[in-house]
C-alpha atoms as a PDB file:
ATOM      1  CA  HIS A   1       0.000   0.000   0.000  1.00  0.00           C
ATOM      2  CA  ASN A   2       2.859   2.353   0.690  1.00  0.00           C
ATOM      3  CA  ARG A   3       4.109   2.037  -2.893  1.00  0.00           C
ATOM      4  CA  LEU A   4       0.632   2.843  -4.209  1.00  0.00           C
ATOM      5  CA  LEU A   5       0.409   5.855  -1.907  1.00  0.00           C
ATOM      6  CA  GLU A   6       3.843   7.077  -3.011  1.00  0.00           C
ATOM      7  CA  GLY A   7       2.739   6.829  -6.645  1.00  0.00           C
ATOM      8  CA  PHE A   8      -0.468   8.692  -5.866  1.00  0.00           C
ATOM      9  CA  ILE A   9       1.433  11.486  -4.120  1.00  0.00           C
ATOM     10  CA  SER A  10       3.802  11.726  -7.103  1.00  0.00           C
ATOM     11  CA  SER A  11       0.868  12.085  -9.496  1.00  0.00           C
ATOM     12  CA  ILE A  12      -0.589  14.868  -7.348  1.00  0.00           C
ATOM     13  CA  GLU A  13       2.746  16.687  -7.397  1.00  0.00           C
ATOM     14  CA  GLU A  14       2.975  16.273 -11.196  1.00  0.00           C
ATOM     15  CA  ALA A  15      -0.535  17.641 -11.631  1.00  0.00           C
ATOM     16  CA  ASP A  16       0.429  20.630  -9.502  1.00  0.00           C
ATOM     17  CA  LEU A  17       3.417  21.292 -11.769  1.00  0.00           C
ATOM     18  CA  MET A  18       1.186  21.098 -14.867  1.00  0.00           C
ATOM     19  CA  GLY A  19      -1.336  23.545 -13.404  1.00  0.00           C
ATOM     20  CA  LYS A  20      -4.106  20.979 -13.021  1.00  0.00           C
ATOM     21  CA  ARG A  21      -4.300  21.434  -9.287  1.00  0.00           C
ATOM     22  CA  GLU A  22      -6.349  24.609  -9.703  1.00  0.00           C
ATOM     23  CA  GLU A  23      -9.076  22.535 -11.334  1.00  0.00           C
ATOM     24  CA  GLY A  24      -8.826  19.918  -8.626  1.00  0.00           C
ATOM     25  CA  ILE A  25      -8.030  16.265  -9.073  1.00  0.00           C
ATOM     26  CA  ARG A  26     -11.244  14.241  -8.917  1.00  0.00           C
ATOM     27  CA  VAL A  27     -11.190  11.135  -6.713  1.00  0.00           C
ATOM     28  CA  VAL A  28     -13.628   8.576  -5.355  1.00  0.00           C
ATOM     29  CA  LEU A  29     -12.943   7.290  -1.838  1.00  0.00           C
ATOM     30  CA  SER A  30     -13.726   3.699  -0.946  1.00  0.00           C
ATOM     31  CA  GLY A  31     -13.088   1.509   2.071  1.00  0.00           C
ATOM     32  CA  ILE A  32     -13.315   2.111   5.779  1.00  0.00           C
ATOM     33  CA  VAL A  33     -13.147   5.451   7.542  1.00  0.00           C
ATOM     34  CA  TRP A  34      -9.542   5.720   8.634  1.00  0.00           C
ATOM     35  CA  GLU A  35      -7.802   7.014  11.703  1.00  0.00           C
ATOM     36  CA  PRO A  36      -6.706   9.683  12.368  1.00  0.00           C
ATOM     37  CA  PRO A  37      -9.512  11.785  10.913  1.00  0.00           C
ATOM     38  CA  GLU A  38      -7.003  14.535  10.090  1.00  0.00           C
ATOM     39  CA  ILE A  39      -6.257  12.550   6.922  1.00  0.00           C
ATOM     40  CA  MET A  40      -9.443  14.113   5.525  1.00  0.00           C
ATOM     41  CA  ASP A  41      -7.930  17.561   6.165  1.00  0.00           C
ATOM     42  CA  ILE A  42      -4.765  16.540   4.302  1.00  0.00           C
ATOM     43  CA  LEU A  43      -6.843  15.452   1.298  1.00  0.00           C
ATOM     44  CA  ASP A  44      -8.764  18.725   1.396  1.00  0.00           C
ATOM     45  CA  GLU A  45      -5.619  20.857   1.634  1.00  0.00           C
ATOM     46  CA  SER A  46      -4.019  18.965  -1.257  1.00  0.00           C
ATOM     47  CA  GLY A  47      -6.686  20.271  -3.630  1.00  0.00           C
ATOM     48  CA  LEU A  48      -8.442  16.980  -4.274  1.00  0.00           C
ATOM     49  CA  LYS A  49     -12.127  17.049  -5.145  1.00  0.00           C
ATOM     50  CA  VAL A  50     -13.984  14.087  -3.713  1.00  0.00           C
ATOM     51  CA  VAL A  51     -16.708  13.366  -6.258  1.00  0.00           C
ATOM     52  CA  GLY A  52     -18.043  10.278  -4.510  1.00  0.00           C
ATOM     53  CA  ASP A  53     -17.445   7.897  -1.682  1.00  0.00           C
ATOM     54  CA  ASP A  54     -18.251   4.390  -0.651  1.00  0.00           C
ATOM     55  CA  LEU A  55     -16.934   4.587   2.895  1.00  0.00           C
ATOM     56  CA  CYS A  56     -18.062   2.003   5.409  1.00  0.00           C
ATOM     57  CA  VAL A  57     -19.096   3.740   8.595  1.00  0.00           C
ATOM     58  CA  GLY A  58     -20.518   0.675  10.348  1.00  0.00           C
ATOM     59  CA  TRP A  59     -24.194   1.386   9.678  1.00  0.00           C
ATOM     60  CA  ARG A  60     -26.440  -0.515   7.294  1.00  0.00           C
ATOM     61  CA  TYR A  61     -30.015   0.091   6.337  1.00  0.00           C
ATOM     62  CA  ILE A  62     -32.094  -2.951   7.175  1.00  0.00           C
ATOM     63  CA  ASP A  63     -35.406  -3.166   5.362  1.00  0.00           C
ATOM     64  CA  ALA A  64     -37.924  -4.936   7.594  1.00  0.00           C
ATOM     65  CA  ASP A  65     -41.226  -5.724   5.904  1.00  0.00           C
END
């Protein structure tokens, strides 16, 4: 996972150099909500635009007929 994260960070830095950061890099988040929650602040400060998420927060809708 660290190698994937390093590659992701490199692509963000490249986009910043090419001026794409102003537009915002669109991402979809998936998985569990991670700790520490400050990671969300880091994503926000990096200029990413979260266009969707599929984060598991431990709650499911149960349809009872």
